[in-house]
Amino acid sequence: MNFGSIFLFLSLILIYIIKDFFYSKLQQMNTVTQVVESFLKVIDSKDDYTEGHCERVSEYAGILCRKAGLKHDQIEKIVNMAKIHDIGKISVPDEILKSSGSLTDKEYAEMKKHSQYGYEILEDLDIFKEDLDIIKHHHERYDGNGYPDGLSGKEIPVGSRILAICDAYDVMSTGRVYKPALTKKEIIAEFEKYSGKQFDPDYAEMMIELIIEEQIGGIMTDEKVKKAN
């Protein structure tokens, strides 16, 4: 058995253990909020940057959803899924998740599985049944070149299209030791460049308007990220 097969086997075991433990615990909870907060603690125990990232993406998603005029119940679902959209990263090895350098092709392929891992971790919880596709497809691209299923355009759930933009905004606006944050002008240029390619053009335009109007986020330095976490 080669290393890849061994790692896949161990990953599947980890996912099973996590699902078994949390399924029994979380089924006792009455509200989505309680469940989401519990999973946020799990994310934090694995990687505090990911937790802060999820919290910020959730905040941005709420702002963009309201800008788009979505209904309250739909906004609530998207905001909650945004808070745990990277839950699958708890199944990604630390040396990949916390790497400060470029990932190898093999490591990147493993990292890309986190959206599917997240879906599998949560799929037995009835409270999330109708919303899990938001997590599973938040790395799809509008042009069909994303993952895990290569969906395109309106095939991609609305929540996933919104998360893709908010996720990208946080990555671009958050500075790390190995990567400085982009300026607002640079972020806007990226959204314009990839509108209709990586991003839904309508939501990308709305995000640009929010940035120009200073209604969303701000530039996060690495020091600010540490203080926030």
Protein backbone atom coordinates (compact mmCIF):
# COMPACT_ATOMS: atom_id res chain seq x y z
CA MET A 1 0.00 0.00 0.00
CA ASN A 2 1.55 3.34 -1.05
CA PHE A 3 1.58 6.55 1.00
CA GLY A 4 -1.37 8.04 -0.89
CA SER A 5 -3.57 5.03 -0.17
CA ILE A 6 -2.58 5.01 3.49
CA PHE A 7 -3.34 8.72 3.88
CA LEU A 8 -6.72 8.34 2.14
CA PHE A 9 -7.59 5.44 4.44
CA LEU A 10 -6.64 7.42 7.57
CA SER A 11 -8.56 10.47 6.33
CA LEU A 12 -11.70 8.38 5.88
CA ILE A 13 -11.31 6.98 9.39
CA LEU A 14 -10.93 10.51 10.80
CA ILE A 15 -14.04 11.71 8.99
CA TYR A 16 -16.01 8.73 10.32
CA ILE A 17 -14.87 9.37 13.92
CA ILE A 18 -15.72 13.07 13.71
CA LYS A 19 -19.14 12.37 12.23
CA ASP A 20 -19.95 9.68 14.79
CA PHE A 21 -18.95 11.86 17.76
CA PHE A 22 -20.58 15.10 16.69
CA TYR A 23 -23.70 13.48 15.29
CA SER A 24 -24.56 12.09 18.72
CA LYS A 25 -23.74 15.39 20.45
CA LEU A 26 -25.22 17.84 17.98
CA GLN A 27 -28.52 16.05 17.52
CA GLN A 28 -29.26 17.07 21.11
CA MET A 29 -29.05 20.75 20.23
CA ASN A 30 -32.15 22.69 19.28
CA THR A 31 -30.87 25.52 17.14
CA VAL A 32 -28.71 25.93 14.07
CA THR A 33 -26.79 28.64 15.93
CA GLN A 34 -25.75 26.22 18.68
CA VAL A 35 -24.55 23.69 16.13
CA VAL A 36 -22.65 26.27 14.09
CA GLU A 37 -20.93 27.69 17.19
CA SER A 38 -19.88 24.18 18.23
CA PHE A 39 -18.29 23.56 14.85
CA LEU A 40 -16.53 26.93 15.01
CA LYS A 41 -14.82 25.73 18.19
CA VAL A 42 -13.68 22.61 16.35
CA ILE A 43 -12.28 24.74 13.52
CA ASP A 44 -10.49 26.97 16.04
CA SER A 45 -8.88 23.97 17.74
CA LYS A 46 -7.44 22.97 14.36
CA ASP A 47 -6.42 26.39 13.03
CA ASP A 48 -7.31 29.75 14.58
CA TYR A 49 -6.72 31.59 11.28
CA THR A 50 -9.39 29.47 9.58
CA GLU A 51 -11.88 30.31 12.34
CA GLY A 52 -11.25 34.05 11.96
CA HIS A 53 -11.51 33.69 8.20
CA CYS A 54 -14.87 31.91 8.47
CA GLU A 55 -16.25 34.57 10.82
CA ARG A 56 -15.24 37.36 8.44
CA VAL A 57 -16.58 35.57 5.36
CA SER A 58 -19.89 35.10 7.18
CA GLU A 59 -20.06 38.82 7.97
CA TYR A 60 -19.28 39.76 4.36
CA ALA A 61 -21.82 37.23 3.06
CA GLY A 62 -24.57 38.83 5.14
CA ILE A 63 -23.73 42.26 3.72
CA LEU A 64 -23.62 41.00 0.12
CA CYS A 65 -26.84 39.01 0.54
CA ARG A 66 -28.67 42.09 1.78
CA LYS A 67 -27.21 44.12 -1.09
CA ALA A 68 -28.60 41.47 -3.46
CA GLY A 69 -32.05 41.72 -1.87
CA LEU A 70 -32.28 38.08 -0.80
CA LYS A 71 -35.02 37.00 1.60
CA HIS A 72 -34.28 36.82 5.33
CA ASP A 73 -34.45 33.03 5.62
CA GLN A 74 -32.10 32.59 2.64
CA ILE A 75 -29.65 35.11 4.10
CA GLU A 76 -29.70 33.28 7.43
CA LYS A 77 -28.87 29.96 5.76
CA ILE A 78 -26.01 31.42 3.73
CA VAL A 79 -24.56 33.27 6.73
CA ASN A 80 -24.64 30.10 8.85
CA MET A 81 -23.03 28.01 6.12
CA ALA A 82 -20.38 30.69 5.65
CA LYS A 83 -19.37 30.34 9.30
CA ILE A 84 -18.50 26.68 8.77
CA HIS A 85 -17.73 26.63 5.04
CA ASP A 86 -14.17 25.45 5.73
CA ILE A 87 -15.07 22.79 8.32
CA GLY A 88 -13.60 20.19 5.94
CA LYS A 89 -10.13 21.60 6.61
CA ILE A 90 -10.06 19.71 9.91
CA SER A 91 -9.45 16.64 7.75
CA VAL A 92 -6.52 18.24 5.91
CA PRO A 93 -3.04 17.46 7.34
CA ASP A 94 -1.49 20.31 9.37
CA GLU A 95 1.64 20.40 7.23
CA ILE A 96 -0.56 21.29 4.24
CA LEU A 97 -3.11 23.49 6.00
CA LYS A 98 -0.50 25.60 7.80
CA SER A 99 2.15 25.65 5.10
CA SER A 100 3.70 29.09 4.58
CA GLY A 101 5.07 28.21 1.16
CA SER A 102 3.74 27.05 -2.18
CA LEU A 103 1.98 23.69 -2.15
CA THR A 104 3.06 20.86 -4.41
CA ASP A 105 0.55 19.60 -6.96
CA LYS A 106 -0.17 16.63 -4.69
CA GLU A 107 -0.65 18.84 -1.62
CA TYR A 108 -2.90 21.23 -3.54
CA ALA A 109 -5.00 18.29 -4.74
CA GLU A 110 -5.46 17.27 -1.10
CA MET A 111 -6.33 20.82 -0.02
CA LYS A 112 -8.99 21.00 -2.75
CA LYS A 113 -10.82 18.09 -1.12
CA HIS A 114 -11.79 20.18 1.91
CA SER A 115 -15.14 21.26 0.46
CA GLN A 116 -16.10 17.62 -0.13
CA TYR A 117 -14.80 16.67 3.33
CA GLY A 118 -16.99 19.39 4.83
CA TYR A 119 -20.04 18.04 3.04
CA GLU A 120 -19.33 14.53 4.28
CA ILE A 121 -18.77 15.64 7.88
CA LEU A 122 -22.15 17.40 8.01
CA GLU A 123 -24.33 15.27 5.75
CA ASP A 124 -25.88 13.16 8.54
CA LEU A 125 -27.16 16.21 10.42
CA ASP A 126 -30.78 16.76 9.36
CA ILE A 127 -30.59 20.38 10.48
CA PHE A 128 -28.26 21.14 7.54
CA LYS A 129 -29.66 18.78 4.89
CA GLU A 130 -30.97 21.44 2.49
CA ASP A 131 -27.96 23.74 2.80
CA LEU A 132 -24.91 21.50 2.44
CA ASP A 133 -24.49 22.14 -1.28
CA ILE A 134 -23.52 25.71 -0.36
CA ILE A 135 -20.43 24.33 1.39
CA LYS A 136 -19.72 21.63 -1.17
CA HIS A 137 -19.70 24.03 -4.13
CA HIS A 138 -18.12 27.21 -2.74
CA HIS A 139 -15.01 26.61 -4.87
CA GLU A 140 -16.86 26.12 -8.15
CA ARG A 141 -16.10 28.75 -10.80
CA TYR A 142 -18.67 30.58 -12.90
CA ASP A 143 -16.88 29.40 -16.05
CA GLY A 144 -17.04 25.74 -14.96
CA ASN A 145 -13.35 25.32 -14.13
CA GLY A 146 -13.78 24.98 -10.37
CA TYR A 147 -14.18 22.01 -8.04
CA PRO A 148 -15.37 19.51 -6.93
CA ASP A 149 -17.95 19.01 -9.71
CA GLY A 150 -17.10 21.58 -12.36
CA LEU A 151 -20.49 23.31 -12.15
CA SER A 152 -20.93 26.54 -14.07
CA GLY A 153 -23.13 29.63 -14.10
CA LYS A 154 -26.53 29.25 -12.49
CA GLU A 155 -25.86 25.54 -11.87
CA ILE A 156 -23.87 26.71 -8.86
CA PRO A 157 -26.07 27.38 -5.80
CA VAL A 158 -26.65 31.08 -5.09
CA GLY A 159 -25.08 30.70 -1.64
CA SER A 160 -21.96 29.15 -3.13
CA ARG A 161 -21.60 31.95 -5.68
CA ILE A 162 -21.84 34.51 -2.89
CA LEU A 163 -19.39 32.61 -0.66
CA ALA A 164 -16.89 32.37 -3.52
CA ILE A 165 -16.78 36.17 -3.72
CA CYS A 166 -16.67 36.77 0.04
CA ASP A 167 -14.05 34.05 0.50
CA ALA A 168 -11.86 35.62 -2.18
CA TYR A 169 -12.35 39.10 -0.71
CA ASP A 170 -11.13 37.94 2.70
CA VAL A 171 -8.11 36.16 1.23
CA MET A 172 -7.15 39.24 -0.77
CA SER A 173 -7.78 41.74 2.04
CA THR A 174 -6.06 39.74 4.81
CA GLY A 175 -2.30 40.04 5.12
CA ARG A 176 -0.20 37.12 6.27
CA VAL A 177 3.49 36.86 7.15
CA TYR A 178 4.19 35.42 3.70
CA LYS A 179 1.63 37.48 1.73
CA PRO A 180 0.71 41.16 2.15
CA ALA A 181 -2.91 42.23 1.77
CA LEU A 182 -3.95 43.78 -1.53
CA THR A 183 -5.11 47.40 -1.62
CA LYS A 184 -8.76 48.18 -2.29
CA LYS A 185 -7.84 49.27 -5.81
CA GLU A 186 -6.06 45.96 -6.43
CA ILE A 187 -8.98 43.95 -5.02
CA ILE A 188 -11.45 45.77 -7.26
CA ALA A 189 -9.18 45.08 -10.25
CA GLU A 190 -9.17 41.36 -9.40
CA PHE A 191 -12.97 41.20 -9.22
CA GLU A 192 -13.23 43.04 -12.54
CA LYS A 193 -10.67 40.72 -14.13
CA TYR A 194 -12.37 37.50 -13.02
CA SER A 195 -16.01 38.60 -13.27
CA GLY A 196 -17.82 36.03 -15.41
CA LYS A 197 -14.82 33.69 -15.13
CA GLN A 198 -14.27 32.82 -11.49
CA PHE A 199 -17.13 34.93 -10.12
CA ASP A 200 -20.81 35.47 -10.84
CA PRO A 201 -20.72 38.84 -12.68
CA ASP A 202 -23.80 40.23 -10.93
CA TYR A 203 -22.53 39.51 -7.42
CA ALA A 204 -19.01 40.62 -8.35
CA GLU A 205 -20.39 43.99 -9.45
CA MET A 206 -22.29 44.32 -6.17
CA MET A 207 -19.14 43.50 -4.18
CA ILE A 208 -17.20 46.16 -6.09
CA GLU A 209 -19.90 48.70 -5.22
CA LEU A 210 -19.72 47.72 -1.54
CA ILE A 211 -15.93 48.14 -1.55
CA ILE A 212 -16.11 51.54 -3.25
CA GLU A 213 -18.82 52.68 -0.83
CA GLU A 214 -16.74 51.32 2.09
CA GLN A 215 -19.67 49.26 3.32
CA ILE A 216 -17.69 46.07 3.69
CA GLY A 217 -14.64 44.94 5.62
CA GLY A 218 -11.27 46.61 5.48
CA ILE A 219 -7.66 45.67 4.91
CA MET A 220 -6.49 43.22 7.59
CA THR A 221 -2.77 43.14 8.38
CA ASP A 222 -1.24 40.00 9.88
CA GLU A 223 -1.01 41.78 13.24
CA LYS A 224 -4.71 42.66 13.16
CA VAL A 225 -5.56 39.04 12.35
CA LYS A 226 -3.59 37.84 15.39
CA LYS A 227 -5.34 40.34 17.67
CA ALA A 228 -8.75 39.40 16.28
CA ASN A 229 -8.09 35.75 17.03
